[in-house]
Amino acid sequence: MATTVTLSTTLACTLDEAWERVQTSALLIHVAAPLIRFTPQGGQPFPAIWAPGEYRAWMWLFGILPVGWQAVVISHPAPDGTTRFIRDNGYGPLIKRWDHWIAIAPGDGGTTHYTDRVDVEAGLLTPLIAAFARVFYAHRQRRWRALARSGFSALKV
């Protein structure tokens, strides 16, 4: 049985700025750190801009503890009005389903409304993985807000 986790925040940047950044692998690496480090499998780096497809990554808790691999399965669902989406319908040996949707919509006064929504299925581990997802997305959104406030100056592209 799946559990859904949803967190939203406001980013101090325009919709176009957020959309440009969310499509980059550099953003994933930055906002996940230092909680999770992703290392691409196969010796090739992640693409600079995520194209639809499947990417395999090793995951490291706090950058040092190996937690296995995860498939990152990127797609670009059609916009809904002014809301844009990027989707990672991922999976791995521990997590049967990690269906992560990022929604980016215009906010008030030139800001952006950003939402992470993930459906998690991991058998008996589902409650634990869902609790981790809440912590992980709160962490990511904190890092996103700091990046947006800085004009994305800390982001290495």
N, C-alpha and C. Protein backbone atom coordinates (compact mmCIF):
# COMPACT_ATOMS: atom_id res chain seq x y z
N MET A 1 0.84 -1.18 0.00
CA MET A 1 0.00 0.00 0.00
C MET A 1 0.89 1.25 0.00
N ALA A 2 0.55 2.21 -0.84
CA ALA A 2 1.35 3.42 -0.98
C ALA A 2 0.97 4.46 0.06
N THR A 3 1.94 5.28 0.40
CA THR A 3 1.74 6.44 1.25
C THR A 3 2.16 7.67 0.45
N THR A 4 1.36 8.73 0.54
CA THR A 4 1.67 9.97 -0.16
C THR A 4 2.19 11.01 0.83
N VAL A 5 3.28 11.67 0.45
CA VAL A 5 3.87 12.75 1.23
C VAL A 5 3.86 13.99 0.33
N THR A 6 3.35 15.10 0.85
CA THR A 6 3.29 16.36 0.09
C THR A 6 3.80 17.50 0.95
N LEU A 7 4.74 18.27 0.42
CA LEU A 7 5.24 19.48 1.08
C LEU A 7 5.33 20.58 0.05
N SER A 8 4.98 21.80 0.47
CA SER A 8 5.03 22.96 -0.42
C SER A 8 5.76 24.11 0.25
N THR A 9 6.28 25.00 -0.58
CA THR A 9 6.97 26.19 -0.09
C THR A 9 6.88 27.29 -1.13
N THR A 10 7.30 28.47 -0.74
CA THR A 10 7.38 29.61 -1.65
C THR A 10 8.85 29.92 -1.89
N LEU A 11 9.20 30.08 -3.16
CA LEU A 11 10.58 30.40 -3.55
C LEU A 11 10.65 31.85 -4.01
N ALA A 12 11.69 32.55 -3.58
CA ALA A 12 11.88 33.96 -3.93
C ALA A 12 12.56 34.07 -5.30
N CYS A 13 11.87 33.56 -6.31
CA CYS A 13 12.35 33.64 -7.69
C CYS A 13 11.15 33.50 -8.61
N THR A 14 11.36 33.79 -9.87
CA THR A 14 10.26 33.67 -10.83
C THR A 14 10.04 32.20 -11.20
N LEU A 15 8.89 31.95 -11.77
CA LEU A 15 8.56 30.62 -12.26
C LEU A 15 9.61 30.15 -13.27
N ASP A 16 10.00 31.02 -14.19
CA ASP A 16 10.98 30.63 -15.22
C ASP A 16 12.33 30.29 -14.60
N GLU A 17 12.75 31.07 -13.58
CA GLU A 17 14.03 30.76 -12.92
C GLU A 17 13.96 29.40 -12.24
N ALA A 18 12.89 29.13 -11.52
CA ALA A 18 12.74 27.83 -10.84
C ALA A 18 12.69 26.70 -11.86
N TRP A 19 11.94 26.90 -12.95
CA TRP A 19 11.80 25.86 -13.97
C TRP A 19 13.15 25.56 -14.62
N GLU A 20 13.93 26.59 -14.90
CA GLU A 20 15.25 26.39 -15.51
C GLU A 20 16.13 25.54 -14.59
N ARG A 21 16.12 25.83 -13.28
CA ARG A 21 16.98 25.13 -12.32
C ARG A 21 16.51 23.71 -12.04
N VAL A 22 15.20 23.49 -11.92
CA VAL A 22 14.69 22.18 -11.53
C VAL A 22 15.03 21.11 -12.56
N GLN A 23 15.29 21.52 -13.78
CA GLN A 23 15.61 20.57 -14.84
C GLN A 23 17.08 20.15 -14.86
N THR A 24 17.88 20.68 -13.93
CA THR A 24 19.30 20.38 -13.94
C THR A 24 19.66 19.34 -12.89
N SER A 25 20.63 18.51 -13.22
CA SER A 25 21.13 17.54 -12.24
C SER A 25 21.90 18.26 -11.13
N ALA A 26 22.49 19.42 -11.45
CA ALA A 26 23.22 20.18 -10.43
C ALA A 26 22.29 20.58 -9.29
N LEU A 27 21.04 20.91 -9.60
CA LEU A 27 20.11 21.28 -8.54
C LEU A 27 19.85 20.08 -7.63
N LEU A 28 19.59 18.91 -8.20
CA LEU A 28 19.37 17.71 -7.38
C LEU A 28 20.55 17.48 -6.45
N ILE A 29 21.75 17.52 -6.98
CA ILE A 29 22.94 17.27 -6.18
C ILE A 29 23.03 18.28 -5.04
N HIS A 30 22.77 19.55 -5.36
CA HIS A 30 22.88 20.61 -4.34
C HIS A 30 21.82 20.49 -3.26
N VAL A 31 20.55 20.36 -3.65
CA VAL A 31 19.49 20.39 -2.64
C VAL A 31 19.43 19.11 -1.81
N ALA A 32 19.94 18.01 -2.32
CA ALA A 32 19.95 16.75 -1.56
C ALA A 32 21.08 16.72 -0.53
N ALA A 33 22.17 17.43 -0.82
CA ALA A 33 23.35 17.43 0.06
C ALA A 33 23.04 18.18 1.36
N PRO A 34 23.68 17.85 2.43
CA PRO A 34 24.54 16.70 2.65
C PRO A 34 23.77 15.46 3.13
N LEU A 35 22.44 15.54 3.11
CA LEU A 35 21.62 14.42 3.60
C LEU A 35 21.79 13.17 2.74
N ILE A 36 21.68 13.35 1.43
CA ILE A 36 21.87 12.25 0.48
C ILE A 36 22.83 12.71 -0.60
N ARG A 37 23.75 11.83 -0.94
CA ARG A 37 24.63 12.07 -2.09
C ARG A 37 24.28 11.04 -3.15
N PHE A 38 24.06 11.51 -4.36
CA PHE A 38 23.77 10.63 -5.49
C PHE A 38 25.02 10.52 -6.35
N THR A 39 25.40 9.28 -6.68
CA THR A 39 26.54 9.03 -7.55
C THR A 39 26.02 8.23 -8.75
N PRO A 40 26.19 8.75 -9.96
CA PRO A 40 25.69 8.03 -11.13
C PRO A 40 26.38 6.68 -11.30
N GLN A 41 25.61 5.67 -11.67
CA GLN A 41 26.19 4.37 -11.99
C GLN A 41 26.74 4.39 -13.41
N GLY A 42 27.68 3.52 -13.67
CA GLY A 42 28.19 3.35 -15.03
C GLY A 42 29.31 4.28 -15.43
N GLY A 43 29.82 5.08 -14.50
CA GLY A 43 30.97 5.91 -14.80
C GLY A 43 30.69 7.18 -15.58
N GLN A 44 29.46 7.38 -16.03
CA GLN A 44 29.10 8.59 -16.76
C GLN A 44 28.41 9.56 -15.81
N PRO A 45 28.67 10.86 -15.94
CA PRO A 45 27.96 11.83 -15.08
C PRO A 45 26.49 11.91 -15.47
N PHE A 46 25.68 12.43 -14.55
CA PHE A 46 24.30 12.73 -14.91
C PHE A 46 24.32 13.78 -16.01
N PRO A 47 23.27 13.82 -16.84
CA PRO A 47 23.22 14.88 -17.85
C PRO A 47 23.06 16.23 -17.16
N ALA A 48 23.58 17.28 -17.77
CA ALA A 48 23.42 18.63 -17.20
C ALA A 48 21.94 18.98 -17.08
N ILE A 49 21.17 18.65 -18.12
CA ILE A 49 19.72 18.87 -18.14
C ILE A 49 19.06 17.49 -18.23
N TRP A 50 18.13 17.23 -17.31
CA TRP A 50 17.45 15.93 -17.31
C TRP A 50 16.60 15.78 -18.57
N ALA A 51 16.87 14.75 -19.33
CA ALA A 51 16.04 14.38 -20.47
C ALA A 51 15.16 13.21 -20.02
N PRO A 52 14.01 13.03 -20.64
CA PRO A 52 13.20 11.87 -20.28
C PRO A 52 14.02 10.59 -20.43
N GLY A 53 13.91 9.71 -19.44
CA GLY A 53 14.64 8.45 -19.47
C GLY A 53 14.96 7.97 -18.07
N GLU A 54 15.68 6.87 -18.01
CA GLU A 54 16.04 6.25 -16.73
C GLU A 54 17.53 6.42 -16.47
N TYR A 55 17.83 6.86 -15.24
CA TYR A 55 19.21 7.04 -14.79
C TYR A 55 19.36 6.26 -13.50
N ARG A 56 20.44 5.53 -13.35
CA ARG A 56 20.69 4.78 -12.12
C ARG A 56 21.71 5.51 -11.26
N ALA A 57 21.44 5.52 -9.96
CA ALA A 57 22.32 6.24 -9.04
C ALA A 57 22.54 5.43 -7.78
N TRP A 58 23.76 5.46 -7.29
CA TRP A 58 24.05 4.98 -5.95
C TRP A 58 23.66 6.09 -4.99
N MET A 59 23.13 5.72 -3.83
CA MET A 59 22.76 6.72 -2.84
C MET A 59 23.58 6.51 -1.58
N TRP A 60 23.99 7.63 -0.98
CA TRP A 60 24.84 7.63 0.21
C TRP A 60 24.19 8.53 1.26
N LEU A 61 23.79 7.96 2.39
CA LEU A 61 23.23 8.73 3.48
C LEU A 61 24.34 9.54 4.13
N PHE A 62 24.11 10.84 4.31
CA PHE A 62 25.11 11.77 4.84
C PHE A 62 26.40 11.75 4.02
N GLY A 63 26.30 11.31 2.78
CA GLY A 63 27.44 11.29 1.88
C GLY A 63 28.40 10.15 2.09
N ILE A 64 28.17 9.29 3.11
CA ILE A 64 29.16 8.25 3.41
C ILE A 64 28.57 6.85 3.60
N LEU A 65 27.33 6.75 4.06
CA LEU A 65 26.74 5.43 4.33
C LEU A 65 25.98 4.94 3.10
N PRO A 66 26.44 3.85 2.45
CA PRO A 66 25.74 3.38 1.26
C PRO A 66 24.35 2.84 1.61
N VAL A 67 23.36 3.27 0.81
CA VAL A 67 21.99 2.78 1.02
C VAL A 67 21.44 2.10 -0.22
N GLY A 68 22.30 1.77 -1.17
CA GLY A 68 21.87 1.05 -2.36
C GLY A 68 21.69 1.96 -3.56
N TRP A 69 21.06 1.41 -4.57
CA TRP A 69 20.85 2.17 -5.80
C TRP A 69 19.38 2.52 -5.95
N GLN A 70 19.15 3.50 -6.79
CA GLN A 70 17.80 3.95 -7.09
C GLN A 70 17.75 4.31 -8.56
N ALA A 71 16.68 3.92 -9.23
CA ALA A 71 16.45 4.37 -10.60
C ALA A 71 15.72 5.70 -10.54
N VAL A 72 16.24 6.67 -11.25
CA VAL A 72 15.61 7.97 -11.40
C VAL A 72 15.00 7.95 -12.80
N VAL A 73 13.67 7.96 -12.88
CA VAL A 73 12.98 7.81 -14.16
C VAL A 73 12.25 9.13 -14.47
N ILE A 74 12.88 9.94 -15.29
CA ILE A 74 12.42 11.30 -15.55
C ILE A 74 11.42 11.35 -16.70
N SER A 75 10.36 12.14 -16.46
CA SER A 75 9.43 12.50 -17.54
C SER A 75 8.98 13.93 -17.30
N HIS A 76 8.42 14.52 -18.35
CA HIS A 76 7.94 15.90 -18.29
C HIS A 76 6.45 15.90 -18.62
N PRO A 77 5.60 15.69 -17.61
CA PRO A 77 4.15 15.71 -17.86
C PRO A 77 3.71 17.08 -18.41
N ALA A 78 2.60 17.07 -19.11
CA ALA A 78 2.06 18.30 -19.69
C ALA A 78 1.70 19.29 -18.58
N PRO A 79 1.91 20.58 -18.83
CA PRO A 79 1.51 21.59 -17.84
C PRO A 79 0.00 21.56 -17.62
N ASP A 80 -0.40 22.05 -16.46
CA ASP A 80 -1.81 22.22 -16.13
C ASP A 80 -2.01 23.72 -15.93
N GLY A 81 -2.45 24.40 -16.97
CA GLY A 81 -2.54 25.86 -16.91
C GLY A 81 -1.14 26.43 -16.81
N THR A 82 -0.87 27.20 -15.73
CA THR A 82 0.46 27.79 -15.55
C THR A 82 1.37 26.94 -14.67
N THR A 83 0.88 25.79 -14.22
CA THR A 83 1.69 24.89 -13.38
C THR A 83 2.49 23.94 -14.26
N ARG A 84 3.79 23.88 -14.00
CA ARG A 84 4.69 22.99 -14.75
C ARG A 84 5.12 21.85 -13.84
N PHE A 85 5.43 20.70 -14.46
CA PHE A 85 5.77 19.50 -13.70
C PHE A 85 7.03 18.85 -14.22
N ILE A 86 7.75 18.22 -13.31
CA ILE A 86 8.78 17.25 -13.66
C ILE A 86 8.51 16.06 -12.75
N ARG A 87 8.67 14.86 -13.30
CA ARG A 87 8.33 13.64 -12.56
C ARG A 87 9.51 12.68 -12.55
N ASP A 88 9.74 12.09 -11.38
CA ASP A 88 10.69 10.99 -11.23
C ASP A 88 9.89 9.80 -10.72
N ASN A 89 9.57 8.89 -11.62
CA ASN A 89 8.81 7.70 -11.26
C ASN A 89 9.81 6.57 -10.97
N GLY A 90 10.58 6.76 -9.90
CA GLY A 90 11.72 5.90 -9.59
C GLY A 90 11.37 4.64 -8.82
N TYR A 91 12.39 3.82 -8.68
CA TYR A 91 12.28 2.56 -7.96
C TYR A 91 13.68 2.06 -7.64
N GLY A 92 13.73 1.07 -6.76
CA GLY A 92 15.00 0.45 -6.41
C GLY A 92 14.73 -0.82 -5.63
N PRO A 93 15.79 -1.47 -5.17
CA PRO A 93 15.59 -2.72 -4.44
C PRO A 93 14.85 -2.54 -3.11
N LEU A 94 15.02 -1.41 -2.44
CA LEU A 94 14.32 -1.16 -1.18
C LEU A 94 12.97 -0.49 -1.37
N ILE A 95 12.86 0.30 -2.42
CA ILE A 95 11.66 1.09 -2.65
C ILE A 95 11.06 0.66 -3.99
N LYS A 96 9.93 -0.04 -3.90
CA LYS A 96 9.27 -0.55 -5.11
C LYS A 96 8.75 0.61 -5.98
N ARG A 97 8.28 1.67 -5.33
CA ARG A 97 7.74 2.82 -6.07
C ARG A 97 8.08 4.11 -5.33
N TRP A 98 8.69 5.04 -6.05
CA TRP A 98 9.02 6.37 -5.56
C TRP A 98 8.57 7.31 -6.67
N ASP A 99 7.28 7.63 -6.68
CA ASP A 99 6.69 8.42 -7.75
C ASP A 99 6.63 9.88 -7.30
N HIS A 100 7.68 10.61 -7.65
CA HIS A 100 7.89 11.99 -7.18
C HIS A 100 7.50 12.99 -8.26
N TRP A 101 6.53 13.83 -7.94
CA TRP A 101 6.11 14.91 -8.83
C TRP A 101 6.54 16.23 -8.22
N ILE A 102 7.20 17.06 -9.01
CA ILE A 102 7.52 18.43 -8.61
C ILE A 102 6.58 19.33 -9.42
N ALA A 103 5.85 20.19 -8.71
CA ALA A 103 4.95 21.15 -9.35
C ALA A 103 5.48 22.55 -9.07
N ILE A 104 5.57 23.34 -10.13
CA ILE A 104 6.05 24.71 -10.01
C ILE A 104 4.99 25.61 -10.63
N ALA A 105 4.49 26.53 -9.80
CA ALA A 105 3.42 27.44 -10.24
C ALA A 105 3.77 28.87 -9.84
N PRO A 106 3.21 29.84 -10.56
CA PRO A 106 3.46 31.22 -10.18
C PRO A 106 2.89 31.51 -8.79
N GLY A 107 3.66 32.26 -8.01
CA GLY A 107 3.20 32.69 -6.70
C GLY A 107 2.87 34.18 -6.73
N ASP A 108 2.65 34.75 -5.59
CA ASP A 108 2.35 36.17 -5.49
C ASP A 108 3.62 37.01 -5.61
N GLY A 109 3.50 38.16 -6.24
CA GLY A 109 4.61 39.12 -6.27
C GLY A 109 5.87 38.61 -6.92
N GLY A 110 5.76 37.80 -7.97
CA GLY A 110 6.94 37.32 -8.68
C GLY A 110 7.62 36.14 -8.03
N THR A 111 6.98 35.52 -7.04
CA THR A 111 7.53 34.33 -6.40
C THR A 111 7.03 33.07 -7.10
N THR A 112 7.49 31.94 -6.63
CA THR A 112 7.09 30.65 -7.19
C THR A 112 6.58 29.76 -6.09
N HIS A 113 5.45 29.11 -6.35
CA HIS A 113 4.91 28.11 -5.43
C HIS A 113 5.46 26.75 -5.88
N TYR A 114 6.18 26.09 -4.98
CA TYR A 114 6.89 24.84 -5.29
C TYR A 114 6.32 23.73 -4.42
N THR A 115 6.00 22.59 -5.03
CA THR A 115 5.45 21.44 -4.30
C THR A 115 6.19 20.17 -4.67
N ASP A 116 6.58 19.40 -3.65
CA ASP A 116 7.06 18.03 -3.81
C ASP A 116 5.93 17.11 -3.37
N ARG A 117 5.55 16.17 -4.23
CA ARG A 117 4.58 15.14 -3.86
C ARG A 117 5.16 13.79 -4.28
N VAL A 118 5.22 12.86 -3.34
CA VAL A 118 5.76 11.55 -3.66
C VAL A 118 4.82 10.47 -3.13
N ASP A 119 4.58 9.46 -3.96
CA ASP A 119 3.88 8.25 -3.55
C ASP A 119 4.94 7.19 -3.34
N VAL A 120 4.98 6.64 -2.13
CA VAL A 120 6.01 5.69 -1.73
C VAL A 120 5.38 4.32 -1.49
N GLU A 121 5.99 3.29 -2.06
CA GLU A 121 5.64 1.91 -1.77
C GLU A 121 6.93 1.16 -1.49
N ALA A 122 7.05 0.63 -0.27
CA ALA A 122 8.27 -0.09 0.11
C ALA A 122 7.93 -1.25 1.05
N GLY A 123 6.77 -1.88 0.83
CA GLY A 123 6.38 -3.00 1.67
C GLY A 123 6.30 -2.59 3.13
N LEU A 124 6.86 -3.42 3.99
CA LEU A 124 6.83 -3.13 5.42
C LEU A 124 7.62 -1.87 5.79
N LEU A 125 8.53 -1.47 4.92
CA LEU A 125 9.33 -0.27 5.18
C LEU A 125 8.62 1.03 4.77
N THR A 126 7.43 0.93 4.19
CA THR A 126 6.74 2.12 3.70
C THR A 126 6.61 3.22 4.75
N PRO A 127 6.16 2.95 5.97
CA PRO A 127 6.05 4.04 6.96
C PRO A 127 7.41 4.70 7.25
N LEU A 128 8.46 3.92 7.33
CA LEU A 128 9.80 4.46 7.59
C LEU A 128 10.29 5.30 6.41
N ILE A 129 10.11 4.79 5.19
CA ILE A 129 10.55 5.51 3.99
C ILE A 129 9.72 6.79 3.82
N ALA A 130 8.42 6.73 4.11
CA ALA A 130 7.58 7.94 4.01
C ALA A 130 8.02 8.98 5.03
N ALA A 131 8.36 8.56 6.23
CA ALA A 131 8.85 9.50 7.25
C ALA A 131 10.16 10.12 6.79
N PHE A 132 11.04 9.31 6.19
CA PHE A 132 12.28 9.85 5.65
C PHE A 132 11.99 10.84 4.53
N ALA A 133 11.00 10.54 3.67
CA ALA A 133 10.65 11.45 2.57
C ALA A 133 10.23 12.81 3.11
N ARG A 134 9.48 12.84 4.21
CA ARG A 134 9.08 14.12 4.81
C ARG A 134 10.31 14.94 5.23
N VAL A 135 11.24 14.27 5.88
CA VAL A 135 12.49 14.93 6.31
C VAL A 135 13.29 15.37 5.09
N PHE A 136 13.42 14.48 4.12
CA PHE A 136 14.22 14.76 2.93
C PHE A 136 13.66 15.94 2.15
N TYR A 137 12.34 15.98 1.92
CA TYR A 137 11.76 17.09 1.15
C TYR A 137 11.76 18.39 1.94
N ALA A 138 11.61 18.35 3.24
CA ALA A 138 11.75 19.57 4.05
C ALA A 138 13.17 20.12 3.91
N HIS A 139 14.15 19.22 3.95
CA HIS A 139 15.56 19.60 3.78
C HIS A 139 15.78 20.20 2.39
N ARG A 140 15.30 19.52 1.36
CA ARG A 140 15.45 20.01 -0.02
C ARG A 140 14.83 21.39 -0.18
N GLN A 141 13.63 21.57 0.38
CA GLN A 141 12.95 22.85 0.21
C GLN A 141 13.67 23.97 0.96
N ARG A 142 14.26 23.65 2.10
CA ARG A 142 15.09 24.63 2.82
C ARG A 142 16.26 25.06 1.94
N ARG A 143 16.91 24.08 1.30
CA ARG A 143 18.05 24.38 0.42
C ARG A 143 17.59 25.16 -0.82
N TRP A 144 16.44 24.82 -1.37
CA TRP A 144 15.86 25.55 -2.50
C TRP A 144 15.64 27.02 -2.13
N ARG A 145 15.01 27.25 -0.96
CA ARG A 145 14.72 28.62 -0.55
C ARG A 145 16.01 29.44 -0.43
N ALA A 146 17.04 28.86 0.17
CA ALA A 146 18.32 29.55 0.32
C ALA A 146 18.93 29.85 -1.06
N LEU A 147 18.87 28.89 -1.96
CA LEU A 147 19.39 29.11 -3.31
C LEU A 147 18.66 30.25 -4.00
N ALA A 148 17.34 30.23 -3.94
CA ALA A 148 16.54 31.27 -4.61
C ALA A 148 16.86 32.64 -4.02
N ARG A 149 16.97 32.73 -2.69
CA ARG A 149 17.30 34.01 -2.04
C ARG A 149 18.66 34.54 -2.50
N SER A 150 19.59 33.64 -2.79
CA SER A 150 20.94 34.04 -3.20
C SER A 150 21.05 34.29 -4.70
N GLY A 151 19.93 34.18 -5.41
CA GLY A 151 20.01 34.32 -6.87
C GLY A 151 20.68 33.12 -7.52
N PHE A 152 20.66 31.99 -6.82
CA PHE A 152 21.23 30.71 -7.29
C PHE A 152 22.75 30.77 -7.42
N SER A 153 23.38 31.68 -6.64
CA SER A 153 24.83 31.85 -6.74
C SER A 153 25.61 30.63 -6.27
N ALA A 154 25.06 29.82 -5.36
CA ALA A 154 25.79 28.65 -4.85
C ALA A 154 25.65 27.44 -5.75
N LEU A 155 24.83 27.53 -6.78
CA LEU A 155 24.57 26.38 -7.64
C LEU A 155 25.66 26.25 -8.70
N LYS A 156 26.34 25.11 -8.67
CA LYS A 156 27.39 24.84 -9.66
C LYS A 156 26.76 24.11 -10.83
N VAL A 157 26.70 24.75 -11.94
CA VAL A 157 26.07 24.14 -13.13
C VAL A 157 27.13 23.57 -14.04
